[in-house]
Amino acid sequence: MKLSRLARYPAFAVLAVVVLLIGSWCSGAIWYRCGCDGAVRVLLAGAMALLSVAAAFCLATRRRWPAMAIYCFVVGGLLLWWISILPAGSREWAPDVAQNATAAFDGDRVVVGNVRNFTWRSETDFDPVWEKRSYALSHVTEVDLIMSYWMGEAIAHTIVSVGFDDGNRLAFSIEIRKEVNEVFSPIAGFFKEYELAIVAADERDVVRLRSNVRGEDVRIYRMKVNPGNAQRLLRLYLEEANDLARTPRFYNTLTSNCTTLVFDLVKIVYPGLPLDGRIILSGYLPDYAYELGATNTHMSFDKLRELSKIRDNALRADTAPNFSAKIREGVPPPL
């Protein structure tokens, strides 16, 4: 009997950890999404945290099952409330994400609506322009991976840029759809705080904003993609944009962000791509691409990384009409 009791202790310890983790998530959900004023949110989130600690403590006593019953009842109620929180397509959106890209296909032609082409003087001073542009899918020739670093090497924003045989480019940036005056928090991103947006943009907008206006470390990696797969990737992006315009979805810091969604689309073009931790630590995505042989591998990755940095080129190009060509000067081609 004593042996069987001892055998239960590790299981209770694991269960206690699970109880505390779920309780922490529930407290975060209440804090970020309950919609109450600050004092009420503190009270409710704190009460959930105390209930979780009490339930975990009671696992070591004879009151474990009544305590777990109360805990599961509360968590079940919170989960039902959580499921009822749905993403919205209509809010007072920040100007830079006010429009989702859309696409209308007609054979080889596609008309892309809401292409962002802002002129940025600062993050708060800009000329907002949304355009409708027409492209021929058969004229797509290449794909570049653009990474923008703002807090060390581990975290970066991912942009995919599609190139056409006439030198035009269309860049895609998967972002949070901020409301006016809303500020991004990676913690809040776990709790249905933000909707998703797919921004289709001119590179003078989406790249220059990061390199010239925000002063971020922007790098371009030319990808080894044949024209057929580049065309397929563009179509997938535009179909995803249409789906998102019809059915809003939530951003999630871990599972549904600017890099994981890109990986999901690329997997359709290249089935069997191995999952890798560098998809989560997005700043290391180019290392992963290099290991797969998807970039220029005729030099060390360290050298490729240095040559990929385009901020100086971008500052010189600034608002030049051939901005896309100028920022790629010296960037290694995808040999």
C-alpha atoms as a PDB file:
ATOM      1  CA  MET A   1       0.000   0.000   0.000  1.00  0.00           C
ATOM      2  CA  LYS A   2       2.799   2.376   0.878  1.00  0.00           C
ATOM      3  CA  LEU A   3       4.499   1.643  -2.452  1.00  0.00           C
ATOM      4  CA  SER A   4       1.340   2.426  -4.420  1.00  0.00           C
ATOM      5  CA  ARG A   5       0.936   5.716  -2.512  1.00  0.00           C
ATOM      6  CA  LEU A   6       4.537   6.669  -3.252  1.00  0.00           C
ATOM      7  CA  ALA A   7       4.051   5.809  -6.914  1.00  0.00           C
ATOM      8  CA  ARG A   8       1.297   8.428  -7.098  1.00  0.00           C
ATOM      9  CA  TYR A   9       3.493  11.305  -5.898  1.00  0.00           C
ATOM     10  CA  PRO A  10       5.310  11.918  -9.218  1.00  0.00           C
ATOM     11  CA  ALA A  11       1.965  11.922 -11.023  1.00  0.00           C
ATOM     12  CA  PHE A  12       0.579  14.464  -8.542  1.00  0.00           C
ATOM     13  CA  ALA A  13       3.702  16.611  -8.986  1.00  0.00           C
ATOM     14  CA  VAL A  14       3.245  16.620 -12.775  1.00  0.00           C
ATOM     15  CA  LEU A  15      -0.452  17.394 -12.360  1.00  0.00           C
ATOM     16  CA  ALA A  16       0.378  20.291 -10.041  1.00  0.00           C
ATOM     17  CA  VAL A  17       2.670  21.798 -12.704  1.00  0.00           C
ATOM     18  CA  VAL A  18      -0.087  21.422 -15.317  1.00  0.00           C
ATOM     19  CA  VAL A  19      -2.604  23.059 -12.972  1.00  0.00           C
ATOM     20  CA  LEU A  20      -0.281  26.025 -12.411  1.00  0.00           C
ATOM     21  CA  LEU A  21       0.501  26.442 -16.123  1.00  0.00           C
ATOM     22  CA  ILE A  22      -3.159  26.354 -17.122  1.00  0.00           C
ATOM     23  CA  GLY A  23      -3.962  28.745 -14.297  1.00  0.00           C
ATOM     24  CA  SER A  24      -1.255  31.151 -15.479  1.00  0.00           C
ATOM     25  CA  TRP A  25      -2.686  31.097 -18.981  1.00  0.00           C
ATOM     26  CA  CYS A  26      -6.209  31.694 -17.633  1.00  0.00           C
ATOM     27  CA  SER A  27      -4.970  34.655 -15.576  1.00  0.00           C
ATOM     28  CA  GLY A  28      -3.328  36.103 -18.685  1.00  0.00           C
ATOM     29  CA  ALA A  29      -6.501  35.595 -20.718  1.00  0.00           C
ATOM     30  CA  ILE A  30      -8.543  37.412 -18.079  1.00  0.00           C
ATOM     31  CA  TRP A  31      -6.024  40.246 -17.871  1.00  0.00           C
ATOM     32  CA  TYR A  32      -5.836  40.868 -21.606  1.00  0.00           C
ATOM     33  CA  ARG A  33      -9.354  40.025 -22.760  1.00  0.00           C
ATOM     34  CA  CYS A  34     -11.984  40.381 -20.020  1.00  0.00           C
ATOM     35  CA  GLY A  35     -12.789  43.974 -20.991  1.00  0.00           C
ATOM     36  CA  CYS A  36     -13.191  45.183 -17.398  1.00  0.00           C
ATOM     37  CA  ASP A  37     -11.473  48.159 -15.823  1.00  0.00           C
ATOM     38  CA  GLY A  38      -8.033  47.780 -14.272  1.00  0.00           C
ATOM     39  CA  ALA A  39      -9.093  47.082 -10.680  1.00  0.00           C
ATOM     40  CA  VAL A  40     -11.588  44.378 -11.688  1.00  0.00           C
ATOM     41  CA  ARG A  41      -9.039  42.743 -13.994  1.00  0.00           C
ATOM     42  CA  VAL A  42      -6.476  42.635 -11.191  1.00  0.00           C
ATOM     43  CA  LEU A  43      -9.078  41.084  -8.874  1.00  0.00           C
ATOM     44  CA  LEU A  44     -10.234  38.431 -11.356  1.00  0.00           C
ATOM     45  CA  ALA A  45      -6.766  37.526 -12.641  1.00  0.00           C
ATOM     46  CA  GLY A  46      -5.440  37.385  -9.084  1.00  0.00           C
ATOM     47  CA  ALA A  47      -8.341  35.198  -7.968  1.00  0.00           C
ATOM     48  CA  MET A  48      -7.627  32.769 -10.807  1.00  0.00           C
ATOM     49  CA  ALA A  49      -3.957  32.638  -9.839  1.00  0.00           C
ATOM     50  CA  LEU A  50      -4.838  31.982  -6.167  1.00  0.00           C
ATOM     51  CA  LEU A  51      -7.307  29.258  -7.157  1.00  0.00           C
ATOM     52  CA  SER A  52      -4.615  27.549  -9.230  1.00  0.00           C
ATOM     53  CA  VAL A  53      -2.078  27.670  -6.386  1.00  0.00           C
ATOM     54  CA  ALA A  54      -4.677  26.360  -3.947  1.00  0.00           C
ATOM     55  CA  ALA A  55      -5.681  23.520  -6.273  1.00  0.00           C
ATOM     56  CA  ALA A  56      -2.038  22.545  -6.828  1.00  0.00           C
ATOM     57  CA  PHE A  57      -1.389  22.621  -3.045  1.00  0.00           C
ATOM     58  CA  CYS A  58      -4.476  20.504  -2.336  1.00  0.00           C
ATOM     59  CA  LEU A  59      -3.132  17.713  -4.558  1.00  0.00           C
ATOM     60  CA  ALA A  60      -0.888  16.810  -1.613  1.00  0.00           C
ATOM     61  CA  THR A  61      -3.874  16.578   0.767  1.00  0.00           C
ATOM     62  CA  ARG A  62      -7.083  14.586   1.132  1.00  0.00           C
ATOM     63  CA  ARG A  63      -9.045  17.545  -0.283  1.00  0.00           C
ATOM     64  CA  ARG A  64      -7.495  17.086  -3.706  1.00  0.00           C
ATOM     65  CA  TRP A  65     -10.600  15.901  -5.557  1.00  0.00           C
ATOM     66  CA  PRO A  66     -13.052  18.579  -4.327  1.00  0.00           C
ATOM     67  CA  ALA A  67     -10.369  21.191  -5.065  1.00  0.00           C
ATOM     68  CA  MET A  68      -9.799  19.810  -8.559  1.00  0.00           C
ATOM     69  CA  ALA A  69     -13.548  19.719  -9.211  1.00  0.00           C
ATOM     70  CA  ILE A  70     -13.852  23.437  -8.394  1.00  0.00           C
ATOM     71  CA  TYR A  71     -10.744  24.230 -10.428  1.00  0.00           C
ATOM     72  CA  CYS A  72     -11.971  22.302 -13.498  1.00  0.00           C
ATOM     73  CA  PHE A  73     -15.406  23.940 -13.268  1.00  0.00           C
ATOM     74  CA  VAL A  74     -13.857  27.434 -13.304  1.00  0.00           C
ATOM     75  CA  VAL A  75     -11.391  26.574 -16.093  1.00  0.00           C
ATOM     76  CA  GLY A  76     -14.200  25.018 -18.144  1.00  0.00           C
ATOM     77  CA  GLY A  77     -16.254  28.190 -17.822  1.00  0.00           C
ATOM     78  CA  LEU A  78     -13.276  30.294 -18.873  1.00  0.00           C
ATOM     79  CA  LEU A  79     -12.658  28.089 -21.913  1.00  0.00           C
ATOM     80  CA  LEU A  80     -16.268  28.506 -23.045  1.00  0.00           C
ATOM     81  CA  TRP A  81     -15.861  32.278 -22.688  1.00  0.00           C
ATOM     82  CA  TRP A  82     -12.550  32.097 -24.587  1.00  0.00           C
ATOM     83  CA  ILE A  83     -14.095  30.208 -27.490  1.00  0.00           C
ATOM     84  CA  SER A  84     -16.766  32.899 -27.747  1.00  0.00           C
ATOM     85  CA  ILE A  85     -14.146  35.617 -28.465  1.00  0.00           C
ATOM     86  CA  LEU A  86     -14.032  35.954 -32.248  1.00  0.00           C
ATOM     87  CA  PRO A  87     -11.792  38.067 -34.510  1.00  0.00           C
ATOM     88  CA  ALA A  88     -13.291  41.164 -36.076  1.00  0.00           C
ATOM     89  CA  GLY A  89     -13.013  42.513 -39.604  1.00  0.00           C
ATOM     90  CA  SER A  90     -14.176  45.988 -38.714  1.00  0.00           C
ATOM     91  CA  ARG A  91     -12.471  48.129 -36.095  1.00  0.00           C
ATOM     92  CA  GLU A  92     -10.822  51.542 -36.006  1.00  0.00           C
ATOM     93  CA  TRP A  93      -7.617  50.224 -37.580  1.00  0.00           C
ATOM     94  CA  ALA A  94      -4.273  51.997 -37.631  1.00  0.00           C
ATOM     95  CA  PRO A  95      -3.748  53.668 -41.042  1.00  0.00           C
ATOM     96  CA  ASP A  96      -0.910  51.338 -42.161  1.00  0.00           C
ATOM     97  CA  VAL A  97      -3.089  48.221 -41.756  1.00  0.00           C
ATOM     98  CA  ALA A  98      -6.446  49.791 -42.571  1.00  0.00           C
ATOM     99  CA  GLN A  99      -6.747  47.650 -45.729  1.00  0.00           C
ATOM    100  CA  ASN A 100      -6.153  43.963 -46.310  1.00  0.00           C
ATOM    101  CA  ALA A 101      -4.752  42.950 -49.679  1.00  0.00           C
ATOM    102  CA  THR A 102      -7.221  41.277 -52.053  1.00  0.00           C
ATOM    103  CA  ALA A 103      -6.855  39.634 -55.452  1.00  0.00           C
ATOM    104  CA  ALA A 104      -9.069  38.981 -58.475  1.00  0.00           C
ATOM    105  CA  PHE A 105      -7.790  36.261 -60.823  1.00  0.00           C
ATOM    106  CA  ASP A 106      -8.573  36.138 -64.548  1.00  0.00           C
ATOM    107  CA  GLY A 107      -6.508  33.407 -66.159  1.00  0.00           C
ATOM    108  CA  ASP A 108      -2.904  34.557 -66.152  1.00  0.00           C
ATOM    109  CA  ARG A 109      -3.826  38.065 -64.975  1.00  0.00           C
ATOM    110  CA  VAL A 110      -4.363  39.049 -61.370  1.00  0.00           C
ATOM    111  CA  VAL A 111      -5.539  42.408 -60.089  1.00  0.00           C
ATOM    112  CA  VAL A 112      -4.248  43.066 -56.582  1.00  0.00           C
ATOM    113  CA  GLY A 113      -6.291  45.517 -54.573  1.00  0.00           C
ATOM    114  CA  ASN A 114      -5.105  47.609 -51.611  1.00  0.00           C
ATOM    115  CA  VAL A 115      -1.403  47.588 -52.482  1.00  0.00           C
ATOM    116  CA  ARG A 116       0.172  49.902 -49.919  1.00  0.00           C
ATOM    117  CA  ASN A 117       2.446  52.600 -51.336  1.00  0.00           C
ATOM    118  CA  PHE A 118       2.880  55.095 -48.502  1.00  0.00           C
ATOM    119  CA  THR A 119       5.537  57.797 -48.512  1.00  0.00           C
ATOM    120  CA  TRP A 120       6.990  57.777 -45.003  1.00  0.00           C
ATOM    121  CA  ARG A 121       8.737  60.792 -43.476  1.00  0.00           C
ATOM    122  CA  SER A 122       8.422  59.375 -39.958  1.00  0.00           C
ATOM    123  CA  GLU A 123       6.266  56.703 -38.346  1.00  0.00           C
ATOM    124  CA  THR A 124       3.603  59.310 -37.662  1.00  0.00           C
ATOM    125  CA  ASP A 125       4.079  61.540 -40.724  1.00  0.00           C
ATOM    126  CA  PHE A 126       3.245  59.886 -44.037  1.00  0.00           C
ATOM    127  CA  ASP A 127       1.157  60.137 -47.190  1.00  0.00           C
ATOM    128  CA  PRO A 128      -1.254  57.179 -47.286  1.00  0.00           C
ATOM    129  CA  VAL A 129      -1.786  55.701 -50.743  1.00  0.00           C
ATOM    130  CA  TRP A 130      -3.586  52.428 -51.522  1.00  0.00           C
ATOM    131  CA  GLU A 131      -3.344  51.256 -55.124  1.00  0.00           C
ATOM    132  CA  LYS A 132      -4.819  48.657 -57.448  1.00  0.00           C
ATOM    133  CA  ARG A 133      -2.163  46.914 -59.526  1.00  0.00           C
ATOM    134  CA  SER A 134      -2.351  44.350 -62.315  1.00  0.00           C
ATOM    135  CA  TYR A 135       0.208  41.583 -62.850  1.00  0.00           C
ATOM    136  CA  ALA A 136       0.757  38.604 -65.146  1.00  0.00           C
ATOM    137  CA  LEU A 137       1.492  35.482 -63.119  1.00  0.00           C
ATOM    138  CA  SER A 138       3.615  34.074 -65.942  1.00  0.00           C
ATOM    139  CA  HIS A 139       5.989  37.060 -65.602  1.00  0.00           C
ATOM    140  CA  VAL A 140       6.970  36.175 -62.025  1.00  0.00           C
ATOM    141  CA  THR A 141      10.633  35.135 -62.040  1.00  0.00           C
ATOM    142  CA  GLU A 142      12.049  35.248 -58.510  1.00  0.00           C
ATOM    143  CA  VAL A 143      11.494  35.432 -54.764  1.00  0.00           C
ATOM    144  CA  ASP A 144      13.576  37.207 -52.128  1.00  0.00           C
ATOM    145  CA  LEU A 145      13.520  36.760 -48.366  1.00  0.00           C
ATOM    146  CA  ILE A 146      13.790  40.101 -46.547  1.00  0.00           C
ATOM    147  CA  MET A 147      14.557  40.119 -42.811  1.00  0.00           C
ATOM    148  CA  SER A 148      14.320  43.212 -40.610  1.00  0.00           C
ATOM    149  CA  TYR A 149      16.108  43.050 -37.234  1.00  0.00           C
ATOM    150  CA  TRP A 150      15.347  45.398 -34.367  1.00  0.00           C
ATOM    151  CA  MET A 151      16.259  43.498 -31.171  1.00  0.00           C
ATOM    152  CA  GLY A 152      19.294  41.289 -31.715  1.00  0.00           C
ATOM    153  CA  GLU A 153      19.857  38.319 -33.993  1.00  0.00           C
ATOM    154  CA  ALA A 154      17.118  36.016 -32.699  1.00  0.00           C
ATOM    155  CA  ILE A 155      14.034  38.030 -33.646  1.00  0.00           C
ATOM    156  CA  ALA A 156      13.268  39.608 -37.012  1.00  0.00           C
ATOM    157  CA  HIS A 157      10.286  40.547 -39.116  1.00  0.00           C
ATOM    158  CA  THR A 158       9.921  38.449 -42.279  1.00  0.00           C
ATOM    159  CA  ILE A 159       8.937  39.924 -45.630  1.00  0.00           C
ATOM    160  CA  VAL A 160       8.654  37.945 -48.870  1.00  0.00           C
ATOM    161  CA  SER A 161       9.194  39.888 -52.096  1.00  0.00           C
ATOM    162  CA  VAL A 162       8.151  38.548 -55.498  1.00  0.00           C
ATOM    163  CA  GLY A 163      10.011  39.808 -58.565  1.00  0.00           C
ATOM    164  CA  PHE A 164       8.779  40.148 -62.163  1.00  0.00           C
ATOM    165  CA  ASP A 165      10.730  40.022 -65.400  1.00  0.00           C
ATOM    166  CA  ASP A 166      10.252  43.773 -65.958  1.00  0.00           C
ATOM    167  CA  GLY A 167      11.939  44.654 -62.649  1.00  0.00           C
ATOM    168  CA  ASN A 168       8.734  45.322 -60.709  1.00  0.00           C
ATOM    169  CA  ARG A 169       8.333  43.774 -57.277  1.00  0.00           C
ATOM    170  CA  LEU A 170       5.471  43.093 -54.890  1.00  0.00           C
ATOM    171  CA  ALA A 171       6.315  42.570 -51.219  1.00  0.00           C
ATOM    172  CA  PHE A 172       4.179  40.750 -48.650  1.00  0.00           C
ATOM    173  CA  SER A 173       4.323  41.489 -44.942  1.00  0.00           C
ATOM    174  CA  ILE A 174       2.213  39.493 -42.483  1.00  0.00           C
ATOM    175  CA  GLU A 175       1.521  41.785 -39.535  1.00  0.00           C
ATOM    176  CA  ILE A 176      -0.718  42.370 -36.570  1.00  0.00           C
ATOM    177  CA  ARG A 177      -3.712  44.480 -37.513  1.00  0.00           C
ATOM    178  CA  LYS A 178      -3.316  47.162 -34.878  1.00  0.00           C
ATOM    179  CA  GLU A 179      -6.111  49.415 -33.825  1.00  0.00           C
ATOM    180  CA  VAL A 180      -5.498  53.162 -33.619  1.00  0.00           C
ATOM    181  CA  ASN A 181      -3.041  53.919 -30.770  1.00  0.00           C
ATOM    182  CA  GLU A 182      -2.576  50.195 -30.046  1.00  0.00           C
ATOM    183  CA  VAL A 183       0.970  49.057 -29.212  1.00  0.00           C
ATOM    184  CA  PHE A 184       2.309  45.573 -29.918  1.00  0.00           C
ATOM    185  CA  SER A 185       3.141  43.298 -26.988  1.00  0.00           C
ATOM    186  CA  PRO A 186       4.476  39.775 -27.668  1.00  0.00           C
ATOM    187  CA  ILE A 187       2.823  38.573 -24.435  1.00  0.00           C
ATOM    188  CA  ALA A 188      -0.548  40.005 -25.439  1.00  0.00           C
ATOM    189  CA  GLY A 189      -0.062  38.204 -28.757  1.00  0.00           C
ATOM    190  CA  PHE A 190      -0.765  34.901 -26.983  1.00  0.00           C
ATOM    191  CA  PHE A 191      -4.222  36.078 -25.903  1.00  0.00           C
ATOM    192  CA  LYS A 192      -6.267  37.036 -28.994  1.00  0.00           C
ATOM    193  CA  GLU A 193      -5.267  40.659 -28.622  1.00  0.00           C
ATOM    194  CA  TYR A 194      -4.597  41.285 -32.334  1.00  0.00           C
ATOM    195  CA  GLU A 195      -6.075  40.274 -35.648  1.00  0.00           C
ATOM    196  CA  LEU A 196      -3.881  39.327 -38.614  1.00  0.00           C
ATOM    197  CA  ALA A 197      -3.226  41.440 -41.689  1.00  0.00           C
ATOM    198  CA  ILE A 198      -1.552  40.549 -44.979  1.00  0.00           C
ATOM    199  CA  VAL A 199      -0.031  43.724 -46.379  1.00  0.00           C
ATOM    200  CA  ALA A 200       0.902  43.768 -50.062  1.00  0.00           C
ATOM    201  CA  ALA A 201       3.210  46.726 -50.626  1.00  0.00           C
ATOM    202  CA  ASP A 202       5.721  48.505 -52.782  1.00  0.00           C
ATOM    203  CA  GLU A 203       9.250  47.971 -51.461  1.00  0.00           C
ATOM    204  CA  ARG A 204       9.758  51.736 -51.221  1.00  0.00           C
ATOM    205  CA  ASP A 205       7.050  51.569 -48.584  1.00  0.00           C
ATOM    206  CA  VAL A 206       7.488  48.395 -46.579  1.00  0.00           C
ATOM    207  CA  VAL A 207      11.306  48.078 -46.786  1.00  0.00           C
ATOM    208  CA  ARG A 208      12.149  51.779 -46.626  1.00  0.00           C
ATOM    209  CA  LEU A 209       9.903  52.175 -43.564  1.00  0.00           C
ATOM    210  CA  ARG A 210      12.098  49.737 -41.697  1.00  0.00           C
ATOM    211  CA  SER A 211      15.532  50.628 -43.057  1.00  0.00           C
ATOM    212  CA  ASN A 212      15.311  54.416 -43.437  1.00  0.00           C
ATOM    213  CA  VAL A 213      12.570  55.509 -41.046  1.00  0.00           C
ATOM    214  CA  ARG A 214      12.905  53.080 -38.140  1.00  0.00           C
ATOM    215  CA  GLY A 215      16.636  52.465 -38.602  1.00  0.00           C
ATOM    216  CA  GLU A 216      16.324  48.681 -38.467  1.00  0.00           C
ATOM    217  CA  ASP A 217      18.958  46.267 -39.783  1.00  0.00           C
ATOM    218  CA  VAL A 218      17.379  45.028 -43.032  1.00  0.00           C
ATOM    219  CA  ARG A 219      18.869  42.115 -44.986  1.00  0.00           C
ATOM    220  CA  ILE A 220      17.944  40.612 -48.354  1.00  0.00           C
ATOM    221  CA  TYR A 221      18.539  36.974 -49.273  1.00  0.00           C
ATOM    222  CA  ARG A 222      17.993  36.029 -52.924  1.00  0.00           C
ATOM    223  CA  MET A 223      16.279  32.635 -52.997  1.00  0.00           C
ATOM    224  CA  LYS A 224      16.802  29.687 -55.352  1.00  0.00           C
ATOM    225  CA  VAL A 225      13.242  29.417 -56.635  1.00  0.00           C
ATOM    226  CA  ASN A 226      12.363  28.516 -60.211  1.00  0.00           C
ATOM    227  CA  PRO A 227       9.778  30.738 -61.952  1.00  0.00           C
ATOM    228  CA  GLY A 228       7.050  28.086 -61.733  1.00  0.00           C
ATOM    229  CA  ASN A 229       7.318  27.806 -57.969  1.00  0.00           C
ATOM    230  CA  ALA A 230       7.656  31.584 -57.618  1.00  0.00           C
ATOM    231  CA  GLN A 231       4.387  31.987 -59.518  1.00  0.00           C
ATOM    232  CA  ARG A 232       2.721  29.369 -57.345  1.00  0.00           C
ATOM    233  CA  LEU A 233       3.922  31.094 -54.175  1.00  0.00           C
ATOM    234  CA  LEU A 234       2.487  34.430 -55.349  1.00  0.00           C
ATOM    235  CA  ARG A 235      -0.868  32.798 -56.043  1.00  0.00           C
ATOM    236  CA  LEU A 236      -0.851  31.163 -52.589  1.00  0.00           C
ATOM    237  CA  TYR A 237      -0.118  34.485 -50.910  1.00  0.00           C
ATOM    238  CA  LEU A 238      -2.958  36.184 -52.755  1.00  0.00           C
ATOM    239  CA  GLU A 239      -5.392  33.344 -52.059  1.00  0.00           C
ATOM    240  CA  GLU A 240      -4.447  33.539 -48.377  1.00  0.00           C
ATOM    241  CA  ALA A 241      -5.047  37.303 -48.464  1.00  0.00           C
ATOM    242  CA  ASN A 242      -8.503  36.729 -49.950  1.00  0.00           C
ATOM    243  CA  ASP A 243      -9.302  34.156 -47.258  1.00  0.00           C
ATOM    244  CA  LEU A 244      -8.194  36.564 -44.542  1.00  0.00           C
ATOM    245  CA  ALA A 245     -10.255  39.403 -46.023  1.00  0.00           C
ATOM    246  CA  ARG A 246     -13.323  37.151 -45.956  1.00  0.00           C
ATOM    247  CA  THR A 247     -12.661  35.494 -42.595  1.00  0.00           C
ATOM    248  CA  PRO A 248     -10.590  37.444 -40.036  1.00  0.00           C
ATOM    249  CA  ARG A 249      -8.165  35.476 -37.881  1.00  0.00           C
ATOM    250  CA  PHE A 250      -6.211  36.180 -34.736  1.00  0.00           C
ATOM    251  CA  TYR A 251      -2.453  36.681 -34.621  1.00  0.00           C
ATOM    252  CA  ASN A 252      -0.582  34.411 -32.212  1.00  0.00           C
ATOM    253  CA  THR A 253       2.977  35.165 -31.093  1.00  0.00           C
ATOM    254  CA  LEU A 254       3.969  31.494 -31.313  1.00  0.00           C
ATOM    255  CA  THR A 255       1.766  29.738 -33.854  1.00  0.00           C
ATOM    256  CA  SER A 256       0.419  32.350 -36.270  1.00  0.00           C
ATOM    257  CA  ASN A 257       2.943  35.092 -36.963  1.00  0.00           C
ATOM    258  CA  CYS A 258       4.961  36.654 -39.788  1.00  0.00           C
ATOM    259  CA  THR A 259       7.303  33.650 -40.069  1.00  0.00           C
ATOM    260  CA  THR A 260       5.157  30.604 -39.260  1.00  0.00           C
ATOM    261  CA  LEU A 261       2.552  31.607 -41.833  1.00  0.00           C
ATOM    262  CA  VAL A 262       5.258  32.074 -44.477  1.00  0.00           C
ATOM    263  CA  PHE A 263       6.575  28.613 -43.645  1.00  0.00           C
ATOM    264  CA  ASP A 264       3.062  27.157 -43.988  1.00  0.00           C
ATOM    265  CA  LEU A 265       2.757  28.621 -47.489  1.00  0.00           C
ATOM    266  CA  VAL A 266       6.244  27.541 -48.556  1.00  0.00           C
ATOM    267  CA  LYS A 267       5.500  23.984 -47.359  1.00  0.00           C
ATOM    268  CA  ILE A 268       2.686  23.796 -49.905  1.00  0.00           C
ATOM    269  CA  VAL A 269       5.164  24.587 -52.691  1.00  0.00           C
ATOM    270  CA  TYR A 270       7.899  22.395 -51.200  1.00  0.00           C
ATOM    271  CA  PRO A 271       6.251  19.506 -49.310  1.00  0.00           C
ATOM    272  CA  GLY A 272       8.398  17.727 -46.738  1.00  0.00           C
ATOM    273  CA  LEU A 273      10.306  20.764 -45.459  1.00  0.00           C
ATOM    274  CA  PRO A 274      11.515  19.805 -41.972  1.00  0.00           C
ATOM    275  CA  LEU A 275      10.196  21.743 -39.010  1.00  0.00           C
ATOM    276  CA  ASP A 276      12.976  23.643 -37.254  1.00  0.00           C
ATOM    277  CA  GLY A 277      13.276  25.823 -34.155  1.00  0.00           C
ATOM    278  CA  ARG A 278      14.599  28.643 -36.323  1.00  0.00           C
ATOM    279  CA  ILE A 279      11.091  29.094 -37.671  1.00  0.00           C
ATOM    280  CA  ILE A 280      10.105  30.266 -34.178  1.00  0.00           C
ATOM    281  CA  LEU A 281      13.336  32.218 -33.597  1.00  0.00           C
ATOM    282  CA  SER A 282      12.700  34.012 -36.850  1.00  0.00           C
ATOM    283  CA  GLY A 283      15.993  35.909 -36.935  1.00  0.00           C
ATOM    284  CA  TYR A 284      17.747  32.620 -37.698  1.00  0.00           C
ATOM    285  CA  LEU A 285      15.475  31.735 -40.627  1.00  0.00           C
ATOM    286  CA  PRO A 286      18.178  32.659 -43.193  1.00  0.00           C
ATOM    287  CA  ASP A 287      20.580  30.181 -41.507  1.00  0.00           C
ATOM    288  CA  TYR A 288      17.928  27.504 -41.995  1.00  0.00           C
ATOM    289  CA  ALA A 289      17.437  28.479 -45.652  1.00  0.00           C
ATOM    290  CA  TYR A 290      21.212  28.361 -46.191  1.00  0.00           C
ATOM    291  CA  GLU A 291      21.432  24.850 -44.714  1.00  0.00           C
ATOM    292  CA  LEU A 292      18.667  23.730 -47.066  1.00  0.00           C
ATOM    293  CA  GLY A 293      20.623  25.148 -50.023  1.00  0.00           C
ATOM    294  CA  ALA A 294      17.871  27.668 -50.771  1.00  0.00           C
ATOM    295  CA  THR A 295      20.220  30.683 -50.877  1.00  0.00           C
ATOM    296  CA  ASN A 296      23.659  31.389 -52.339  1.00  0.00           C
ATOM    297  CA  THR A 297      25.903  28.679 -50.867  1.00  0.00           C
ATOM    298  CA  HIS A 298      29.074  29.546 -52.847  1.00  0.00           C
ATOM    299  CA  MET A 299      30.373  31.449 -49.811  1.00  0.00           C
ATOM    300  CA  SER A 300      30.228  31.038 -46.057  1.00  0.00           C
ATOM    301  CA  PHE A 301      27.005  32.038 -44.389  1.00  0.00           C
ATOM    302  CA  ASP A 302      28.850  34.668 -42.353  1.00  0.00           C
ATOM    303  CA  LYS A 303      29.962  36.385 -45.571  1.00  0.00           C
ATOM    304  CA  LEU A 304      26.518  36.020 -47.145  1.00  0.00           C
ATOM    305  CA  ARG A 305      24.940  37.585 -44.065  1.00  0.00           C
ATOM    306  CA  GLU A 306      27.246  40.612 -44.244  1.00  0.00           C
ATOM    307  CA  LEU A 307      26.613  41.120 -47.962  1.00  0.00           C
ATOM    308  CA  SER A 308      22.869  40.820 -47.430  1.00  0.00           C
ATOM    309  CA  LYS A 309      22.705  43.992 -45.284  1.00  0.00           C
ATOM    310  CA  ILE A 310      21.127  46.744 -47.354  1.00  0.00           C
ATOM    311  CA  ARG A 311      20.554  49.661 -44.967  1.00  0.00           C
ATOM    312  CA  ASP A 312      23.353  51.798 -46.492  1.00  0.00           C
ATOM    313  CA  ASN A 313      22.011  51.097 -49.985  1.00  0.00           C
ATOM    314  CA  ALA A 314      18.519  51.982 -48.815  1.00  0.00           C
ATOM    315  CA  LEU A 315      19.640  55.281 -47.307  1.00  0.00           C
ATOM    316  CA  ARG A 316      21.357  56.216 -50.573  1.00  0.00           C
ATOM    317  CA  ALA A 317      18.374  55.139 -52.666  1.00  0.00           C
ATOM    318  CA  ASP A 318      15.781  56.694 -50.347  1.00  0.00           C
ATOM    319  CA  THR A 319      12.753  57.615 -52.499  1.00  0.00           C
ATOM    320  CA  ALA A 320      14.353  56.841 -55.881  1.00  0.00           C
ATOM    321  CA  PRO A 321      11.972  55.260 -58.427  1.00  0.00           C
ATOM    322  CA  ASN A 322      14.393  52.327 -58.862  1.00  0.00           C
ATOM    323  CA  PHE A 323      14.634  51.783 -55.079  1.00  0.00           C
ATOM    324  CA  SER A 324      14.311  47.994 -55.413  1.00  0.00           C
ATOM    325  CA  ALA A 325      17.217  47.731 -57.859  1.00  0.00           C
ATOM    326  CA  LYS A 326      19.463  50.052 -55.849  1.00  0.00           C
ATOM    327  CA  ILE A 327      19.021  48.244 -52.526  1.00  0.00           C
ATOM    328  CA  ARG A 328      20.093  44.976 -54.193  1.00  0.00           C
ATOM    329  CA  GLU A 329      23.430  46.323 -55.414  1.00  0.00           C
ATOM    330  CA  GLY A 330      26.117  44.015 -54.030  1.00  0.00           C
ATOM    331  CA  VAL A 331      23.622  41.470 -52.678  1.00  0.00           C
ATOM    332  CA  PRO A 332      24.748  37.985 -53.867  1.00  0.00           C
ATOM    333  CA  PRO A 333      22.509  36.384 -56.506  1.00  0.00           C
ATOM    334  CA  PRO A 334      21.001  32.949 -55.802  1.00  0.00           C
ATOM    335  CA  LEU A 335      23.740  30.875 -57.485  1.00  0.00           C
END
